[in-house]
Amino acid sequence: MNEIEVIARRILGWKLNRWDRWFDPEKSIFIYDFQPEKNIQHALLIVDRLKEFGYTYTTNGDKEVCFNDVCATSDTLAQAITNAAFSLADNSSIAEEWL
């Protein structure tokens, strides 16, 4: 899985419906062309979800973000959010899922 898939599945709880769209079962909606690293509105969906899980979101300028003690920087705020969220996702069992 790439980082967008990890975030969509493990943080947002979405299911891949087709190669170009995700399905949010909680809201019963489809999300097309999910690109949180490029689209700040998509990145803010991640922020909202992590806040629901109890994470504190802070920024230091427009290129660094922290969720509790996990921080990331990048060229844009959207990319920094995506990088920090990916760092939070449990990647240790990804390979095991495909066995």
PDB file of N, CA and C in Angstrom:
ATOM      1  N   MET A   1       0.843  -1.184   0.000  1.00  0.00           N
ATOM      2  CA  MET A   1       0.000   0.000   0.000  1.00  0.00           C
ATOM      3  C   MET A   1       0.885   1.242   0.000  1.00  0.00           C
ATOM      4  N   ASN A   2       0.445   2.258  -0.716  1.00  0.00           N
ATOM      5  CA  ASN A   2       1.177   3.521  -0.668  1.00  0.00           C
ATOM      6  C   ASN A   2       0.651   4.363   0.491  1.00  0.00           C
ATOM      7  N   GLU A   3       1.274   5.513   0.718  1.00  0.00           N
ATOM      8  CA  GLU A   3       0.901   6.296   1.903  1.00  0.00           C
ATOM      9  C   GLU A   3      -0.540   6.790   1.859  1.00  0.00           C
ATOM     10  N   ILE A   4      -1.070   7.100   0.682  1.00  0.00           N
ATOM     11  CA  ILE A   4      -2.457   7.561   0.579  1.00  0.00           C
ATOM     12  C   ILE A   4      -3.414   6.428   0.953  1.00  0.00           C
ATOM     13  N   GLU A   5      -3.121   5.221   0.492  1.00  0.00           N
ATOM     14  CA  GLU A   5      -3.955   4.074   0.844  1.00  0.00           C
ATOM     15  C   GLU A   5      -3.922   3.793   2.342  1.00  0.00           C
ATOM     16  N   VAL A   6      -2.748   3.890   2.940  1.00  0.00           N
ATOM     17  CA  VAL A   6      -2.616   3.655   4.378  1.00  0.00           C
ATOM     18  C   VAL A   6      -3.460   4.662   5.150  1.00  0.00           C
ATOM     19  N   ILE A   7      -3.364   5.928   4.771  1.00  0.00           N
ATOM     20  CA  ILE A   7      -4.126   6.980   5.451  1.00  0.00           C
ATOM     21  C   ILE A   7      -5.626   6.777   5.251  1.00  0.00           C
ATOM     22  N   ALA A   8      -6.038   6.523   4.014  1.00  0.00           N
ATOM     23  CA  ALA A   8      -7.464   6.360   3.717  1.00  0.00           C
ATOM     24  C   ALA A   8      -8.059   5.171   4.456  1.00  0.00           C
ATOM     25  N   ARG A   9      -7.354   4.069   4.473  1.00  0.00           N
ATOM     26  CA  ARG A   9      -7.883   2.862   5.103  1.00  0.00           C
ATOM     27  C   ARG A   9      -7.776   2.888   6.625  1.00  0.00           C
ATOM     28  N   ARG A  10      -6.594   3.223   7.121  1.00  0.00           N
ATOM     29  CA  ARG A  10      -6.340   3.055   8.557  1.00  0.00           C
ATOM     30  C   ARG A  10      -6.739   4.253   9.396  1.00  0.00           C
ATOM     31  N   ILE A  11      -6.668   5.442   8.863  1.00  0.00           N
ATOM     32  CA  ILE A  11      -7.048   6.618   9.645  1.00  0.00           C
ATOM     33  C   ILE A  11      -8.493   7.008   9.364  1.00  0.00           C
ATOM     34  N   LEU A  12      -8.832   7.104   8.080  1.00  0.00           N
ATOM     35  CA  LEU A  12     -10.165   7.564   7.717  1.00  0.00           C
ATOM     36  C   LEU A  12     -11.203   6.447   7.705  1.00  0.00           C
ATOM     37  N   GLY A  13     -10.762   5.192   7.609  1.00  0.00           N
ATOM     38  CA  GLY A  13     -11.690   4.065   7.620  1.00  0.00           C
ATOM     39  C   GLY A  13     -12.418   3.861   6.302  1.00  0.00           C
ATOM     40  N   TRP A  14     -11.845   4.378   5.220  1.00  0.00           N
ATOM     41  CA  TRP A  14     -12.483   4.272   3.919  1.00  0.00           C
ATOM     42  C   TRP A  14     -12.159   2.945   3.248  1.00  0.00           C
ATOM     43  N   LYS A  15     -12.958   2.627   2.253  1.00  0.00           N
ATOM     44  CA  LYS A  15     -12.749   1.428   1.447  1.00  0.00           C
ATOM     45  C   LYS A  15     -12.570   1.847  -0.005  1.00  0.00           C
ATOM     46  N   LEU A  16     -11.627   1.204  -0.684  1.00  0.00           N
ATOM     47  CA  LEU A  16     -11.408   1.513  -2.092  1.00  0.00           C
ATOM     48  C   LEU A  16     -12.551   0.916  -2.896  1.00  0.00           C
ATOM     49  N   ASN A  17     -13.300   1.758  -3.585  1.00  0.00           N
ATOM     50  CA  ASN A  17     -14.455   1.308  -4.348  1.00  0.00           C
ATOM     51  C   ASN A  17     -14.073   1.038  -5.795  1.00  0.00           C
ATOM     52  N   ARG A  18     -13.215   1.859  -6.304  1.00  0.00           N
ATOM     53  CA  ARG A  18     -12.722   1.749  -7.668  1.00  0.00           C
ATOM     54  C   ARG A  18     -11.355   2.395  -7.669  1.00  0.00           C
ATOM     55  N   TRP A  19     -10.585   2.224  -8.707  1.00  0.00           N
ATOM     56  CA  TRP A  19      -9.224   2.757  -8.716  1.00  0.00           C
ATOM     57  C   TRP A  19      -9.173   4.266  -8.491  1.00  0.00           C
ATOM     58  N   ASP A  20     -10.262   4.977  -8.788  1.00  0.00           N
ATOM     59  CA  ASP A  20     -10.230   6.437  -8.675  1.00  0.00           C
ATOM     60  C   ASP A  20     -11.176   6.998  -7.611  1.00  0.00           C
ATOM     61  N   ARG A  21     -11.745   6.129  -6.779  1.00  0.00           N
ATOM     62  CA  ARG A  21     -12.639   6.663  -5.750  1.00  0.00           C
ATOM     63  C   ARG A  21     -12.658   5.775  -4.512  1.00  0.00           C
ATOM     64  N   TRP A  22     -12.851   6.447  -3.397  1.00  0.00           N
ATOM     65  CA  TRP A  22     -12.963   5.810  -2.095  1.00  0.00           C
ATOM     66  C   TRP A  22     -14.399   5.929  -1.614  1.00  0.00           C
ATOM     67  N   PHE A  23     -14.786   5.032  -0.734  1.00  0.00           N
ATOM     68  CA  PHE A  23     -16.115   5.087  -0.140  1.00  0.00           C
ATOM     69  C   PHE A  23     -15.976   5.269   1.359  1.00  0.00           C
ATOM     70  N   ASP A  24     -16.664   6.270   1.896  1.00  0.00           N
ATOM     71  CA  ASP A  24     -16.698   6.527   3.338  1.00  0.00           C
ATOM     72  C   ASP A  24     -17.968   5.890   3.873  1.00  0.00           C
ATOM     73  N   PRO A  25     -17.864   4.726   4.535  1.00  0.00           N
ATOM     74  CA  PRO A  25     -19.070   4.033   5.008  1.00  0.00           C
ATOM     75  C   PRO A  25     -19.801   4.776   6.124  1.00  0.00           C
ATOM     76  N   GLU A  26     -19.112   5.616   6.889  1.00  0.00           N
ATOM     77  CA  GLU A  26     -19.777   6.364   7.958  1.00  0.00           C
ATOM     78  C   GLU A  26     -20.724   7.424   7.401  1.00  0.00           C
ATOM     79  N   LYS A  27     -20.307   8.070   6.309  1.00  0.00           N
ATOM     80  CA  LYS A  27     -21.115   9.132   5.723  1.00  0.00           C
ATOM     81  C   LYS A  27     -21.853   8.687   4.466  1.00  0.00           C
ATOM     82  N   SER A  28     -21.575   7.457   4.030  1.00  0.00           N
ATOM     83  CA  SER A  28     -22.171   6.905   2.805  1.00  0.00           C
ATOM     84  C   SER A  28     -21.948   7.816   1.594  1.00  0.00           C
ATOM     85  N   ILE A  29     -20.698   8.252   1.435  1.00  0.00           N
ATOM     86  CA  ILE A  29     -20.356   9.092   0.282  1.00  0.00           C
ATOM     87  C   ILE A  29     -19.107   8.551  -0.403  1.00  0.00           C
ATOM     88  N   PHE A  30     -18.972   8.925  -1.666  1.00  0.00           N
ATOM     89  CA  PHE A  30     -17.786   8.589  -2.434  1.00  0.00           C
ATOM     90  C   PHE A  30     -16.851   9.788  -2.453  1.00  0.00           C
ATOM     91  N   ILE A  31     -15.553   9.520  -2.382  1.00  0.00           N
ATOM     92  CA  ILE A  31     -14.546  10.565  -2.449  1.00  0.00           C
ATOM     93  C   ILE A  31     -13.711  10.281  -3.690  1.00  0.00           C
ATOM     94  N   TYR A  32     -13.737  11.220  -4.611  1.00  0.00           N
ATOM     95  CA  TYR A  32     -13.022  11.061  -5.871  1.00  0.00           C
ATOM     96  C   TYR A  32     -11.658  11.728  -5.806  1.00  0.00           C
ATOM     97  N   ASP A  33     -10.674  11.082  -6.416  1.00  0.00           N
ATOM     98  CA  ASP A  33      -9.344  11.661  -6.596  1.00  0.00           C
ATOM     99  C   ASP A  33      -8.768  12.188  -5.277  1.00  0.00           C
ATOM    100  N   PHE A  34      -8.725  11.339  -4.264  1.00  0.00           N
ATOM    101  CA  PHE A  34      -8.230  11.719  -2.948  1.00  0.00           C
ATOM    102  C   PHE A  34      -6.729  11.973  -3.008  1.00  0.00           C
ATOM    103  N   GLN A  35      -6.335  13.226  -2.837  1.00  0.00           N
ATOM    104  CA  GLN A  35      -4.926  13.623  -2.880  1.00  0.00           C
ATOM    105  C   GLN A  35      -4.626  14.613  -1.753  1.00  0.00           C
ATOM    106  N   PRO A  36      -4.527  14.133  -0.533  1.00  0.00           N
ATOM    107  CA  PRO A  36      -4.330  15.046   0.594  1.00  0.00           C
ATOM    108  C   PRO A  36      -3.005  15.790   0.556  1.00  0.00           C
ATOM    109  N   GLU A  37      -2.018  15.236  -0.112  1.00  0.00           N
ATOM    110  CA  GLU A  37      -0.729  15.902  -0.184  1.00  0.00           C
ATOM    111  C   GLU A  37      -0.758  17.129  -1.105  1.00  0.00           C
ATOM    112  N   LYS A  38      -1.778  17.206  -1.967  1.00  0.00           N
ATOM    113  CA  LYS A  38      -1.914  18.326  -2.901  1.00  0.00           C
ATOM    114  C   LYS A  38      -3.137  19.198  -2.610  1.00  0.00           C
ATOM    115  N   ASN A  39      -4.129  18.636  -1.952  1.00  0.00           N
ATOM    116  CA  ASN A  39      -5.397  19.322  -1.731  1.00  0.00           C
ATOM    117  C   ASN A  39      -5.603  19.563  -0.235  1.00  0.00           C
ATOM    118  N   ILE A  40      -5.557  20.807   0.187  1.00  0.00           N
ATOM    119  CA  ILE A  40      -5.650  21.122   1.612  1.00  0.00           C
ATOM    120  C   ILE A  40      -6.996  20.684   2.202  1.00  0.00           C
ATOM    121  N   GLN A  41      -8.070  20.723   1.412  1.00  0.00           N
ATOM    122  CA  GLN A  41      -9.380  20.270   1.910  1.00  0.00           C
ATOM    123  C   GLN A  41      -9.334  18.780   2.248  1.00  0.00           C
ATOM    124  N   HIS A  42      -8.666  18.007   1.423  1.00  0.00           N
ATOM    125  CA  HIS A  42      -8.514  16.577   1.699  1.00  0.00           C
ATOM    126  C   HIS A  42      -7.642  16.369   2.931  1.00  0.00           C
ATOM    127  N   ALA A  43      -6.580  17.147   3.048  1.00  0.00           N
ATOM    128  CA  ALA A  43      -5.693  17.034   4.205  1.00  0.00           C
ATOM    129  C   ALA A  43      -6.432  17.368   5.501  1.00  0.00           C
ATOM    130  N   LEU A  44      -7.321  18.334   5.433  1.00  0.00           N
ATOM    131  CA  LEU A  44      -8.072  18.723   6.627  1.00  0.00           C
ATOM    132  C   LEU A  44      -9.058  17.644   7.068  1.00  0.00           C
ATOM    133  N   LEU A  45      -9.473  16.774   6.143  1.00  0.00           N
ATOM    134  CA  LEU A  45     -10.290  15.613   6.535  1.00  0.00           C
ATOM    135  C   LEU A  45      -9.499  14.707   7.473  1.00  0.00           C
ATOM    136  N   ILE A  46      -8.206  14.576   7.201  1.00  0.00           N
ATOM    137  CA  ILE A  46      -7.331  13.773   8.049  1.00  0.00           C
ATOM    138  C   ILE A  46      -7.207  14.422   9.424  1.00  0.00           C
ATOM    139  N   VAL A  47      -7.005  15.737   9.433  1.00  0.00           N
ATOM    140  CA  VAL A  47      -6.886  16.469  10.700  1.00  0.00           C
ATOM    141  C   VAL A  47      -8.140  16.267  11.542  1.00  0.00           C
ATOM    142  N   ASP A  48      -9.305  16.434  10.925  1.00  0.00           N
ATOM    143  CA  ASP A  48     -10.563  16.271  11.658  1.00  0.00           C
ATOM    144  C   ASP A  48     -10.700  14.869  12.239  1.00  0.00           C
ATOM    145  N   ARG A  49     -10.328  13.875  11.454  1.00  0.00           N
ATOM    146  CA  ARG A  49     -10.453  12.487  11.916  1.00  0.00           C
ATOM    147  C   ARG A  49      -9.505  12.212  13.083  1.00  0.00           C
ATOM    148  N   LEU A  50      -8.278  12.698  12.972  1.00  0.00           N
ATOM    149  CA  LEU A  50      -7.328  12.465  14.055  1.00  0.00           C
ATOM    150  C   LEU A  50      -7.739  13.207  15.325  1.00  0.00           C
ATOM    151  N   LYS A  51      -8.372  14.366  15.172  1.00  0.00           N
ATOM    152  CA  LYS A  51      -8.901  15.072  16.343  1.00  0.00           C
ATOM    153  C   LYS A  51      -9.983  14.234  17.018  1.00  0.00           C
ATOM    154  N   GLU A  52     -10.820  13.553  16.216  1.00  0.00           N
ATOM    155  CA  GLU A  52     -11.840  12.659  16.773  1.00  0.00           C
ATOM    156  C   GLU A  52     -11.206  11.543  17.593  1.00  0.00           C
ATOM    157  N   PHE A  53     -10.019  11.111  17.178  1.00  0.00           N
ATOM    158  CA  PHE A  53      -9.301  10.052  17.891  1.00  0.00           C
ATOM    159  C   PHE A  53      -8.556  10.589  19.113  1.00  0.00           C
ATOM    160  N   GLY A  54      -8.610  11.905  19.330  1.00  0.00           N
ATOM    161  CA  GLY A  54      -7.988  12.481  20.514  1.00  0.00           C
ATOM    162  C   GLY A  54      -6.620  13.105  20.292  1.00  0.00           C
ATOM    163  N   TYR A  55      -6.171  13.171  19.058  1.00  0.00           N
ATOM    164  CA  TYR A  55      -4.884  13.795  18.774  1.00  0.00           C
ATOM    165  C   TYR A  55      -5.020  15.315  18.793  1.00  0.00           C
ATOM    166  N   THR A  56      -3.980  15.969  19.256  1.00  0.00           N
ATOM    167  CA  THR A  56      -3.922  17.424  19.236  1.00  0.00           C
ATOM    168  C   THR A  56      -3.146  17.844  17.992  1.00  0.00           C
ATOM    169  N   TYR A  57      -3.733  18.727  17.229  1.00  0.00           N
ATOM    170  CA  TYR A  57      -3.129  19.211  15.987  1.00  0.00           C
ATOM    171  C   TYR A  57      -2.540  20.593  16.224  1.00  0.00           C
ATOM    172  N   THR A  58      -1.256  20.748  15.939  1.00  0.00           N
ATOM    173  CA  THR A  58      -0.608  22.050  16.032  1.00  0.00           C
ATOM    174  C   THR A  58       0.234  22.295  14.796  1.00  0.00           C
ATOM    175  N   THR A  59       0.409  23.563  14.488  1.00  0.00           N
ATOM    176  CA  THR A  59       1.261  23.930  13.364  1.00  0.00           C
ATOM    177  C   THR A  59       2.327  24.896  13.835  1.00  0.00           C
ATOM    178  N   ASN A  60       3.426  24.883  13.152  1.00  0.00           N
ATOM    179  CA  ASN A  60       4.498  25.834  13.390  1.00  0.00           C
ATOM    180  C   ASN A  60       4.799  26.460  12.027  1.00  0.00           C
ATOM    181  N   GLY A  61       4.075  27.521  11.706  1.00  0.00           N
ATOM    182  CA  GLY A  61       4.173  28.088  10.368  1.00  0.00           C
ATOM    183  C   GLY A  61       3.277  27.325   9.417  1.00  0.00           C
ATOM    184  N   ASP A  62       3.567  27.425   8.150  1.00  0.00           N
ATOM    185  CA  ASP A  62       2.724  26.739   7.166  1.00  0.00           C
ATOM    186  C   ASP A  62       3.407  25.533   6.538  1.00  0.00           C
ATOM    187  N   LYS A  63       4.475  25.055   7.180  1.00  0.00           N
ATOM    188  CA  LYS A  63       5.186  23.904   6.619  1.00  0.00           C
ATOM    189  C   LYS A  63       5.527  22.830   7.636  1.00  0.00           C
ATOM    190  N   GLU A  64       5.095  22.994   8.879  1.00  0.00           N
ATOM    191  CA  GLU A  64       5.347  21.989   9.912  1.00  0.00           C
ATOM    192  C   GLU A  64       4.064  21.733  10.696  1.00  0.00           C
ATOM    193  N   VAL A  65       3.782  20.460  10.910  1.00  0.00           N
ATOM    194  CA  VAL A  65       2.587  20.052  11.657  1.00  0.00           C
ATOM    195  C   VAL A  65       2.963  18.993  12.677  1.00  0.00           C
ATOM    196  N   CYS A  66       2.200  18.977  13.752  1.00  0.00           N
ATOM    197  CA  CYS A  66       2.367  17.943  14.771  1.00  0.00           C
ATOM    198  C   CYS A  66       1.002  17.409  15.168  1.00  0.00           C
ATOM    199  N   PHE A  67       0.946  16.104  15.317  1.00  0.00           N
ATOM    200  CA  PHE A  67      -0.181  15.429  15.944  1.00  0.00           C
ATOM    201  C   PHE A  67       0.401  14.835  17.221  1.00  0.00           C
ATOM    202  N   ASN A  68       0.076  15.457  18.351  1.00  0.00           N
ATOM    203  CA  ASN A  68       0.713  15.134  19.626  1.00  0.00           C
ATOM    204  C   ASN A  68       2.224  15.297  19.467  1.00  0.00           C
ATOM    205  N   ASP A  69       2.985  14.239  19.625  1.00  0.00           N
ATOM    206  CA  ASP A  69       4.438  14.367  19.519  1.00  0.00           C
ATOM    207  C   ASP A  69       5.001  13.890  18.178  1.00  0.00           C
ATOM    208  N   VAL A  70       4.144  13.585  17.234  1.00  0.00           N
ATOM    209  CA  VAL A  70       4.593  13.179  15.906  1.00  0.00           C
ATOM    210  C   VAL A  70       4.517  14.386  14.985  1.00  0.00           C
ATOM    211  N   CYS A  71       5.680  14.828  14.508  1.00  0.00           N
ATOM    212  CA  CYS A  71       5.742  16.035  13.679  1.00  0.00           C
ATOM    213  C   CYS A  71       6.308  15.715  12.303  1.00  0.00           C
ATOM    214  N   ALA A  72       5.957  16.568  11.342  1.00  0.00           N
ATOM    215  CA  ALA A  72       6.488  16.432   9.990  1.00  0.00           C
ATOM    216  C   ALA A  72       6.554  17.809   9.349  1.00  0.00           C
ATOM    217  N   THR A  73       7.484  17.950   8.444  1.00  0.00           N
ATOM    218  CA  THR A  73       7.606  19.189   7.681  1.00  0.00           C
ATOM    219  C   THR A  73       7.604  18.851   6.205  1.00  0.00           C
ATOM    220  N   SER A  74       7.271  19.848   5.410  1.00  0.00           N
ATOM    221  CA  SER A  74       7.303  19.685   3.965  1.00  0.00           C
ATOM    222  C   SER A  74       7.197  21.051   3.322  1.00  0.00           C
ATOM    223  N   ASP A  75       7.094  21.071   2.004  1.00  0.00           N
ATOM    224  CA  ASP A  75       7.012  22.333   1.267  1.00  0.00           C
ATOM    225  C   ASP A  75       5.668  23.026   1.436  1.00  0.00           C
ATOM    226  N   THR A  76       4.619  22.226   1.704  1.00  0.00           N
ATOM    227  CA  THR A  76       3.280  22.792   1.866  1.00  0.00           C
ATOM    228  C   THR A  76       2.643  22.224   3.129  1.00  0.00           C
ATOM    229  N   LEU A  77       1.641  22.905   3.621  1.00  0.00           N
ATOM    230  CA  LEU A  77       0.916  22.438   4.799  1.00  0.00           C
ATOM    231  C   LEU A  77       0.222  21.109   4.514  1.00  0.00           C
ATOM    232  N   ALA A  78      -0.392  20.994   3.342  1.00  0.00           N
ATOM    233  CA  ALA A  78      -1.092  19.755   2.984  1.00  0.00           C
ATOM    234  C   ALA A  78      -0.136  18.564   2.985  1.00  0.00           C
ATOM    235  N   GLN A  79       1.051  18.741   2.438  1.00  0.00           N
ATOM    236  CA  GLN A  79       2.031  17.654   2.406  1.00  0.00           C
ATOM    237  C   GLN A  79       2.530  17.339   3.810  1.00  0.00           C
ATOM    238  N   ALA A  80       2.721  18.351   4.640  1.00  0.00           N
ATOM    239  CA  ALA A  80       3.168  18.120   6.013  1.00  0.00           C
ATOM    240  C   ALA A  80       2.119  17.329   6.800  1.00  0.00           C
ATOM    241  N   ILE A  81       0.848  17.667   6.618  1.00  0.00           N
ATOM    242  CA  ILE A  81      -0.241  16.919   7.276  1.00  0.00           C
ATOM    243  C   ILE A  81      -0.219  15.463   6.832  1.00  0.00           C
ATOM    244  N   THR A  82      -0.073  15.258   5.533  1.00  0.00           N
ATOM    245  CA  THR A  82      -0.040  13.902   4.981  1.00  0.00           C
ATOM    246  C   THR A  82       1.144  13.122   5.538  1.00  0.00           C
ATOM    247  N   ASN A  83       2.305  13.748   5.594  1.00  0.00           N
ATOM    248  CA  ASN A  83       3.500  13.069   6.108  1.00  0.00           C
ATOM    249  C   ASN A  83       3.344  12.698   7.583  1.00  0.00           C
ATOM    250  N   ALA A  84       2.817  13.614   8.385  1.00  0.00           N
ATOM    251  CA  ALA A  84       2.626  13.333   9.810  1.00  0.00           C
ATOM    252  C   ALA A  84       1.596  12.224  10.019  1.00  0.00           C
ATOM    253  N   ALA A  85       0.512  12.276   9.252  1.00  0.00           N
ATOM    254  CA  ALA A  85      -0.521  11.246   9.372  1.00  0.00           C
ATOM    255  C   ALA A  85       0.023   9.880   8.993  1.00  0.00           C
ATOM    256  N   PHE A  86       0.818   9.843   7.946  1.00  0.00           N
ATOM    257  CA  PHE A  86       1.412   8.574   7.533  1.00  0.00           C
ATOM    258  C   PHE A  86       2.336   8.030   8.619  1.00  0.00           C
ATOM    259  N   SER A  87       3.052   8.918   9.282  1.00  0.00           N
ATOM    260  CA  SER A  87       3.926   8.490  10.379  1.00  0.00           C
ATOM    261  C   SER A  87       3.125   7.877  11.520  1.00  0.00           C
ATOM    262  N   LEU A  88       1.910   8.364  11.722  1.00  0.00           N
ATOM    263  CA  LEU A  88       1.056   7.831  12.789  1.00  0.00           C
ATOM    264  C   LEU A  88       0.456   6.473  12.454  1.00  0.00           C
ATOM    265  N   ALA A  89       0.209   6.241  11.182  1.00  0.00           N
ATOM    266  CA  ALA A  89      -0.458   4.997  10.776  1.00  0.00           C
ATOM    267  C   ALA A  89       0.410   3.797  11.151  1.00  0.00           C
ATOM    268  N   ASP A  90      -0.234   2.739  11.551  1.00  0.00           N
ATOM    269  CA  ASP A  90       0.480   1.526  11.949  1.00  0.00           C
ATOM    270  C   ASP A  90       0.908   0.771  10.709  1.00  0.00           C
ATOM    271  N   ASN A  91       2.127   0.947  10.304  1.00  0.00           N
ATOM    272  CA  ASN A  91       2.641   0.309   9.094  1.00  0.00           C
ATOM    273  C   ASN A  91       3.276  -1.042   9.372  1.00  0.00           C
ATOM    274  N   SER A  92       3.417  -1.402  10.622  1.00  0.00           N
ATOM    275  CA  SER A  92       4.141  -2.629  10.959  1.00  0.00           C
ATOM    276  C   SER A  92       3.439  -3.877  10.467  1.00  0.00           C
ATOM    277  N   SER A  93       2.121  -3.851  10.309  1.00  0.00           N
ATOM    278  CA  SER A  93       1.415  -5.073   9.937  1.00  0.00           C
ATOM    279  C   SER A  93       0.949  -5.059   8.487  1.00  0.00           C
ATOM    280  N   ILE A  94       1.407  -4.119   7.694  1.00  0.00           N
ATOM    281  CA  ILE A  94       0.959  -4.053   6.299  1.00  0.00           C
ATOM    282  C   ILE A  94       1.348  -5.310   5.543  1.00  0.00           C
ATOM    283  N   ALA A  95       2.584  -5.722   5.644  1.00  0.00           N
ATOM    284  CA  ALA A  95       3.028  -6.912   4.922  1.00  0.00           C
ATOM    285  C   ALA A  95       2.268  -8.154   5.371  1.00  0.00           C
ATOM    286  N   GLU A  96       1.966  -8.237   6.641  1.00  0.00           N
ATOM    287  CA  GLU A  96       1.263  -9.392   7.183  1.00  0.00           C
ATOM    288  C   GLU A  96      -0.148  -9.520   6.617  1.00  0.00           C
ATOM    289  N   GLU A  97      -0.782  -8.388   6.277  1.00  0.00           N
ATOM    290  CA  GLU A  97      -2.143  -8.422   5.758  1.00  0.00           C
ATOM    291  C   GLU A  97      -2.221  -9.125   4.400  1.00  0.00           C
ATOM    292  N   TRP A  98      -1.144  -9.066   3.662  1.00  0.00           N
ATOM    293  CA  TRP A  98      -1.150  -9.608   2.302  1.00  0.00           C
ATOM    294  C   TRP A  98      -0.660 -11.037   2.247  1.00  0.00           C
ATOM    295  N   LEU A  99      -0.301 -11.610   3.393  1.00  0.00           N
ATOM    296  CA  LEU A  99       0.178 -12.996   3.417  1.00  0.00           C
ATOM    297  C   LEU A  99      -0.955 -13.991   3.433  1.00  0.00           C
TER     298      LEU A  99
END
